[in-house]
Amino acid sequence: MKGYAFLDEAPPLGRLVVIEGTERLLAERVLATVIERLLPPDLRDLNTAHLRPDDLKDPGSIRQVLDALATVPFLAERRVIVVHDAQELRAPVRHALVQAAASVPETAVLVICDLVSPRSQRPTPLGAALGRAVLRIDTAASEEIRVRFIREEAQALGASLQPRALAVLASAERDLAAIRNDLQKLALLGRPISERDVEAELPPESDPKAYRYAGAVVEGRTGAAIEIAEELLAGDPRGATVPLLSALASELVALWETARPGGRLPARLAWRERVLRPIAARVGPVAAQAAHRLAVEACAELMTGRAGTDPEDHRVLVARVTAEVAALLRGAR
């Protein structure tokens, strides 16, 4: 069953649910809906157990899942046990988890978040090994799903998109987290979002220098970041400012996602995990979110014309945002 079909149709929930597919934002929404349907607000904390890869490092640790399943619900019909990010578990642990899932009692619901494609061959999706008793919910995002997601996010932001703008944004091969980041910046325009606005927001994938600049800012290498920015701005100040600030906003939303409890990077950014994880632990989610807001507001200044039209205005904007973000991250905690 597709993620939005689950949200729309509200099918019966049995003892075993597997949330698969690679779109974490949609997976989190599906998980929240499962818990909301099973437990009233005042009983959720008392009847929900969360287990993560750090809790399940070897087959023997699956005993924690079995113990959670066997615990009697408190003033509720069922308890909900959630295994997060099962795709990160080692093969023997995944096998042990499949065995544990075969004995879920009537008083419990086991929800496994296994964020791999249903057609994945390595690892094999857990849903495929659990047979017909499992409700499999696929969070993969087709263009049709991206269109719906964009419409819902734009409505929540109080923004509107012209039809061609919606089509361009939905056709871009970007995950939902990146699309939401784009929309948050575009919504600050305060007017209907045009196709040109969207195309200006999407940074050119072929030029990695803007991303090197963003990485240097977040990693605290401010001098290197300024050198990269100046190199790009020297050739075309107005043309380089959008990629620089967009890349910075994207890097900061990745830092924010890494810093928040339970946050995980999307597959396309998994290679940044090793670098961003220790920075996120030091900075924390509050400062990471504040830094992201600075970058988004700078994008809004540029897109609305408040930053000015002179090339020097663009240089000043990039320099100011670089310094403010670097100082905020450096002084966090």
Protein backbone atom coordinates (compact mmCIF):
# COMPACT_ATOMS: atom_id res chain seq x y z
CA MET A 1 0.00 0.00 0.00
CA LYS A 2 1.28 3.46 -0.90
CA GLY A 3 1.85 5.98 1.87
CA TYR A 4 -0.86 8.43 0.83
CA ALA A 5 -3.31 5.58 0.23
CA PHE A 6 -2.78 4.54 3.85
CA LEU A 7 -3.36 8.10 5.04
CA ASP A 8 -6.50 8.47 2.91
CA GLU A 9 -8.10 5.07 3.35
CA ALA A 10 -7.19 4.28 6.99
CA PRO A 11 -7.12 0.46 6.54
CA PRO A 12 -7.41 -1.82 9.60
CA LEU A 13 -4.25 -2.11 11.67
CA GLY A 14 -3.22 -5.61 12.63
CA ARG A 15 -0.38 -6.71 14.85
CA LEU A 16 2.41 -6.00 12.35
CA VAL A 17 3.15 -2.91 10.24
CA VAL A 18 6.23 -2.28 8.10
CA ILE A 19 6.90 1.23 6.82
CA GLU A 20 9.27 1.03 3.88
CA GLY A 21 10.40 3.22 0.99
CA THR A 22 13.03 5.94 1.17
CA GLU A 23 11.11 9.16 1.88
CA ARG A 24 11.70 9.83 5.57
CA LEU A 25 9.29 12.77 5.78
CA LEU A 26 6.39 10.67 4.52
CA ALA A 27 7.49 7.71 6.67
CA GLU A 28 7.42 9.91 9.77
CA ARG A 29 3.93 11.11 8.89
CA VAL A 30 2.72 7.54 8.38
CA LEU A 31 4.25 6.46 11.70
CA ALA A 32 2.62 9.35 13.56
CA THR A 33 -0.73 8.44 12.00
CA VAL A 34 -0.38 4.77 13.02
CA ILE A 35 0.26 5.77 16.63
CA GLU A 36 -2.56 8.34 16.61
CA ARG A 37 -5.03 5.73 15.34
CA LEU A 38 -4.02 3.15 17.94
CA LEU A 39 -3.68 5.27 21.07
CA PRO A 40 -5.42 8.36 22.49
CA PRO A 41 -3.11 11.32 23.28
CA ASP A 42 -3.14 10.85 27.05
CA LEU A 43 -2.02 7.20 26.79
CA ARG A 44 0.62 7.38 24.03
CA ASP A 45 3.70 7.97 26.15
CA LEU A 46 2.72 5.18 28.55
CA ASN A 47 2.03 2.64 25.81
CA THR A 48 4.67 3.35 23.16
CA ALA A 49 8.21 1.93 23.13
CA HIS A 50 10.87 3.10 20.67
CA LEU A 51 13.93 0.99 19.77
CA ARG A 52 16.73 2.24 17.53
CA PRO A 53 19.79 0.65 15.88
CA ASP A 54 21.97 1.57 18.88
CA ASP A 55 19.66 -0.59 21.03
CA LEU A 56 19.80 -3.58 18.67
CA LYS A 57 23.45 -4.24 17.91
CA ASP A 58 23.39 -8.07 18.03
CA PRO A 59 20.78 -10.84 17.75
CA GLY A 60 20.61 -11.21 21.52
CA SER A 61 19.43 -7.62 21.89
CA ILE A 62 16.17 -8.57 20.14
CA ARG A 63 15.14 -9.68 23.64
CA GLN A 64 14.32 -5.99 24.18
CA VAL A 65 11.74 -6.18 21.40
CA LEU A 66 10.23 -9.36 22.86
CA ASP A 67 10.08 -7.85 26.36
CA ALA A 68 8.39 -4.71 25.02
CA LEU A 69 5.85 -6.83 23.13
CA ALA A 70 5.08 -8.85 26.26
CA THR A 71 4.48 -5.81 28.47
CA VAL A 72 0.82 -5.41 29.41
CA PRO A 73 -0.81 -2.22 28.04
CA PHE A 74 -1.69 0.47 30.61
CA LEU A 75 -5.36 1.46 30.37
CA ALA A 76 -5.31 0.69 26.64
CA GLU A 77 -6.16 -2.26 24.42
CA ARG A 78 -2.72 -2.44 22.80
CA ARG A 79 0.83 -1.21 23.14
CA VAL A 80 2.83 0.06 20.16
CA ILE A 81 6.46 -1.00 19.77
CA VAL A 82 8.40 0.89 17.09
CA VAL A 83 11.71 -0.30 15.65
CA HIS A 84 13.28 2.69 13.91
CA ASP A 85 15.74 2.54 10.98
CA ALA A 86 15.78 -1.23 10.67
CA GLN A 87 17.63 -0.75 7.37
CA GLU A 88 20.72 0.05 9.45
CA LEU A 89 20.63 -3.24 11.39
CA ARG A 90 23.14 -5.97 10.62
CA ALA A 91 21.84 -9.01 8.73
CA PRO A 92 21.77 -11.37 11.76
CA VAL A 93 19.81 -8.80 13.75
CA ARG A 94 17.33 -8.33 10.89
CA HIS A 95 16.84 -12.09 10.77
CA ALA A 96 16.24 -12.21 14.53
CA LEU A 97 13.75 -9.34 14.21
CA VAL A 98 11.79 -11.31 11.58
CA GLN A 99 11.61 -14.23 14.00
CA ALA A 100 10.42 -11.97 16.82
CA ALA A 101 7.74 -10.48 14.57
CA ALA A 102 6.19 -13.92 14.18
CA SER A 103 5.01 -13.88 17.80
CA VAL A 104 3.37 -10.48 18.31
CA PRO A 105 0.58 -10.90 20.92
CA GLU A 106 -2.93 -9.52 20.53
CA THR A 107 -2.11 -6.82 23.08
CA ALA A 108 0.63 -5.26 20.91
CA VAL A 109 1.38 -3.78 17.51
CA LEU A 110 4.91 -3.98 16.17
CA VAL A 111 5.82 -1.20 13.73
CA ILE A 112 9.09 -1.64 11.84
CA CYS A 113 10.50 1.35 9.95
CA ASP A 114 12.64 -0.27 7.25
CA LEU A 115 13.47 2.61 4.93
CA VAL A 116 14.56 0.71 1.85
CA SER A 117 12.84 0.35 -1.50
CA PRO A 118 10.30 -2.51 -1.61
CA ARG A 119 12.32 -3.75 -4.61
CA SER A 120 15.66 -3.59 -2.81
CA GLN A 121 17.89 -6.65 -3.11
CA ARG A 122 20.46 -5.69 -0.49
CA PRO A 123 19.15 -5.59 2.10
CA THR A 124 16.03 -7.60 1.32
CA PRO A 125 13.04 -5.66 2.66
CA LEU A 126 11.79 -7.06 5.95
CA GLY A 127 8.22 -6.76 4.70
CA ALA A 128 8.96 -9.33 2.00
CA ALA A 129 10.11 -11.84 4.64
CA LEU A 130 7.11 -11.38 6.93
CA GLY A 131 4.42 -12.81 4.69
CA ARG A 132 0.80 -11.81 4.30
CA ALA A 133 0.23 -10.97 7.96
CA VAL A 134 2.08 -7.67 7.61
CA LEU A 135 0.68 -4.34 6.42
CA ARG A 136 3.39 -2.91 4.16
CA ILE A 137 3.28 0.86 3.60
CA ASP A 138 5.51 2.19 0.81
CA THR A 139 6.71 5.80 1.20
CA ALA A 140 8.47 6.05 -2.18
CA ALA A 141 7.64 9.31 -3.95
CA SER A 142 6.54 9.36 -7.57
CA GLU A 143 6.00 12.64 -9.40
CA GLU A 144 2.28 12.37 -8.57
CA ILE A 145 3.10 12.07 -4.88
CA ARG A 146 5.52 14.99 -5.08
CA VAL A 147 2.74 17.12 -6.61
CA ARG A 148 0.42 16.33 -3.72
CA PHE A 149 3.16 16.91 -1.16
CA ILE A 150 4.01 20.29 -2.70
CA ARG A 151 0.38 21.39 -2.69
CA GLU A 152 -0.08 20.41 0.95
CA GLU A 153 3.19 22.03 2.06
CA ALA A 154 2.43 25.21 0.12
CA GLN A 155 -1.01 25.41 1.71
CA ALA A 156 0.50 24.98 5.17
CA LEU A 157 2.97 27.78 4.39
CA GLY A 158 0.26 30.05 3.02
CA ALA A 159 1.93 30.08 -0.40
CA SER A 160 0.63 29.48 -3.92
CA LEU A 161 2.41 28.19 -7.00
CA GLN A 162 1.64 28.85 -10.63
CA PRO A 163 0.93 25.59 -12.53
CA ARG A 164 4.26 25.57 -14.36
CA ALA A 165 6.13 26.26 -11.13
CA LEU A 166 4.44 23.27 -9.51
CA ALA A 167 5.30 21.07 -12.49
CA VAL A 168 8.98 22.08 -12.51
CA LEU A 169 9.40 21.54 -8.77
CA ALA A 170 7.61 18.18 -8.84
CA SER A 171 9.60 16.90 -11.82
CA ALA A 172 12.97 17.60 -10.18
CA GLU A 173 14.55 14.39 -8.86
CA ARG A 174 14.74 15.64 -5.27
CA ASP A 175 13.58 14.02 -2.05
CA LEU A 176 10.68 15.51 -0.11
CA ALA A 177 12.96 17.06 2.52
CA ALA A 178 14.79 19.05 -0.18
CA ILE A 179 11.48 20.10 -1.75
CA ARG A 180 10.19 21.31 1.61
CA ASN A 181 13.38 23.31 2.09
CA ASP A 182 12.87 24.91 -1.34
CA LEU A 183 9.25 25.77 -0.56
CA GLN A 184 10.12 27.35 2.78
CA LYS A 185 12.42 29.76 0.97
CA LEU A 186 10.08 30.42 -1.95
CA ALA A 187 7.13 31.09 0.35
CA LEU A 188 8.97 34.11 1.73
CA LEU A 189 8.48 35.88 -1.59
CA GLY A 190 4.98 36.78 -0.44
CA ARG A 191 3.48 36.36 -3.94
CA PRO A 192 2.49 33.49 -6.25
CA ILE A 193 5.58 31.41 -7.00
CA SER A 194 6.47 31.36 -10.70
CA GLU A 195 8.36 28.87 -12.84
CA ARG A 196 11.24 31.34 -12.97
CA ASP A 197 11.33 31.52 -9.16
CA VAL A 198 11.61 27.73 -8.93
CA GLU A 199 14.32 27.50 -11.59
CA ALA A 200 16.30 30.22 -9.82
CA GLU A 201 15.98 28.36 -6.53
CA LEU A 202 17.22 25.02 -7.86
CA PRO A 203 21.04 25.22 -7.80
CA PRO A 204 22.98 23.82 -10.76
CA GLU A 205 24.00 20.27 -9.91
CA SER A 206 27.07 20.46 -12.14
CA ASP A 207 28.95 23.06 -10.08
CA PRO A 208 30.13 21.64 -6.75
CA LYS A 209 31.85 24.84 -5.59
CA ALA A 210 28.72 26.22 -3.91
CA TYR A 211 28.41 23.01 -1.90
CA ARG A 212 32.10 23.15 -0.98
CA TYR A 213 31.47 26.66 0.30
CA ALA A 214 28.46 25.52 2.36
CA GLY A 215 30.37 22.58 3.80
CA ALA A 216 33.25 24.82 4.80
CA VAL A 217 30.90 27.22 6.64
CA VAL A 218 29.23 24.42 8.61
CA GLU A 219 32.55 22.73 9.38
CA GLY A 220 33.95 25.97 10.85
CA ARG A 221 36.46 26.59 8.04
CA THR A 222 35.28 30.15 7.55
CA GLY A 223 38.41 31.37 5.78
CA ALA A 224 38.16 28.62 3.17
CA ALA A 225 34.44 29.32 2.75
CA ILE A 226 35.10 33.00 2.06
CA GLU A 227 37.80 32.16 -0.49
CA ILE A 228 35.44 29.83 -2.40
CA ALA A 229 32.63 32.39 -2.29
CA GLU A 230 34.89 35.19 -3.51
CA GLU A 231 36.10 33.02 -6.40
CA LEU A 232 32.51 32.41 -7.54
CA LEU A 233 31.37 35.99 -6.94
CA ALA A 234 34.31 37.44 -8.88
CA GLY A 235 33.00 35.98 -12.12
CA ASP A 236 29.27 36.71 -11.77
CA PRO A 237 28.18 38.20 -8.42
CA ARG A 238 24.46 38.14 -9.13
CA GLY A 239 24.53 34.72 -10.78
CA ALA A 240 26.64 33.12 -8.04
CA THR A 241 24.70 34.39 -5.04
CA VAL A 242 21.66 32.13 -5.50
CA PRO A 243 23.67 28.87 -5.70
CA LEU A 244 25.81 29.90 -2.71
CA LEU A 245 22.91 30.76 -0.42
CA SER A 246 20.78 27.82 -1.60
CA ALA A 247 23.64 25.40 -0.96
CA LEU A 248 24.16 26.91 2.50
CA ALA A 249 20.46 26.55 3.34
CA SER A 250 20.49 22.93 2.16
CA GLU A 251 23.60 22.10 4.19
CA LEU A 252 22.10 23.72 7.29
CA VAL A 253 18.82 21.85 6.98
CA ALA A 254 20.89 18.65 6.81
CA LEU A 255 22.73 19.74 9.97
CA TRP A 256 19.43 20.53 11.66
CA GLU A 257 18.01 17.12 10.69
CA THR A 258 21.13 15.40 12.02
CA ALA A 259 20.97 17.36 15.29
CA ARG A 260 17.35 16.73 16.17
CA PRO A 261 16.46 13.62 18.24
CA GLY A 262 15.96 10.65 15.94
CA GLY A 263 16.90 12.70 12.89
CA ARG A 264 18.41 10.93 9.89
CA LEU A 265 19.81 12.21 6.63
CA PRO A 266 18.12 11.21 3.36
CA ALA A 267 19.93 8.64 1.25
CA ARG A 268 21.35 11.25 -1.12
CA LEU A 269 23.21 12.89 1.79
CA ALA A 270 24.29 9.75 3.65
CA TRP A 271 27.90 10.44 2.66
CA ARG A 272 27.79 13.61 4.85
CA GLU A 273 26.83 11.67 7.97
CA ARG A 274 30.40 11.17 9.20
CA VAL A 275 31.16 14.91 9.01
CA LEU A 276 27.85 16.34 10.19
CA ARG A 277 27.17 13.99 13.12
CA PRO A 278 29.87 15.36 15.51
CA ILE A 279 29.08 18.95 14.49
CA ALA A 280 25.38 18.36 15.15
CA ALA A 281 26.16 16.87 18.57
CA ARG A 282 28.10 19.99 19.53
CA VAL A 283 25.78 22.57 17.99
CA GLY A 284 22.40 21.11 18.92
CA PRO A 285 19.05 21.42 17.11
CA VAL A 286 18.16 24.93 18.33
CA ALA A 287 21.27 26.61 16.95
CA ALA A 288 21.14 24.51 13.77
CA GLN A 289 17.56 25.61 13.14
CA ALA A 290 18.45 29.24 13.85
CA ALA A 291 21.36 29.07 11.39
CA HIS A 292 19.09 27.57 8.76
CA ARG A 293 16.63 30.42 9.32
CA LEU A 294 19.41 32.96 8.71
CA ALA A 295 20.22 31.35 5.36
CA VAL A 296 16.55 31.18 4.34
CA GLU A 297 16.00 34.82 5.25
CA ALA A 298 19.05 35.77 3.16
CA CYS A 299 17.55 33.88 0.21
CA ALA A 300 14.35 35.85 0.72
CA GLU A 301 16.26 39.14 0.69
CA LEU A 302 17.81 38.18 -2.60
CA MET A 303 14.62 36.89 -4.23
CA THR A 304 12.48 39.86 -3.19
CA GLY A 305 15.07 42.42 -4.24
CA ARG A 306 15.63 43.73 -0.71
CA ALA A 307 19.30 42.79 -1.01
CA GLY A 308 19.77 45.34 -3.79
CA THR A 309 20.74 44.96 -7.41
CA ASP A 310 24.34 46.17 -7.37
CA PRO A 311 26.93 43.34 -7.56
CA GLU A 312 28.55 44.73 -4.42
CA ASP A 313 25.24 44.30 -2.58
CA HIS A 314 25.39 40.60 -3.37
CA ARG A 315 28.95 40.29 -2.13
CA VAL A 316 27.99 42.04 1.11
CA LEU A 317 24.98 39.74 1.59
CA VAL A 318 27.04 36.58 1.17
CA ALA A 319 29.79 37.89 3.46
CA ARG A 320 27.28 38.90 6.14
CA VAL A 321 25.41 35.60 6.13
CA THR A 322 28.66 33.64 6.13
CA ALA A 323 29.88 35.53 9.19
CA GLU A 324 26.54 35.33 11.05
CA VAL A 325 26.08 31.61 10.48
CA ALA A 326 29.70 30.83 11.36
CA ALA A 327 29.45 32.87 14.58
CA LEU A 328 26.17 31.22 15.57
CA LEU A 329 27.49 27.71 15.05
CA ARG A 330 30.79 28.53 16.74
CA GLY A 331 29.09 29.95 19.82
CA ALA A 332 26.46 27.19 20.17
CA ARG A 333 26.35 25.51 23.57
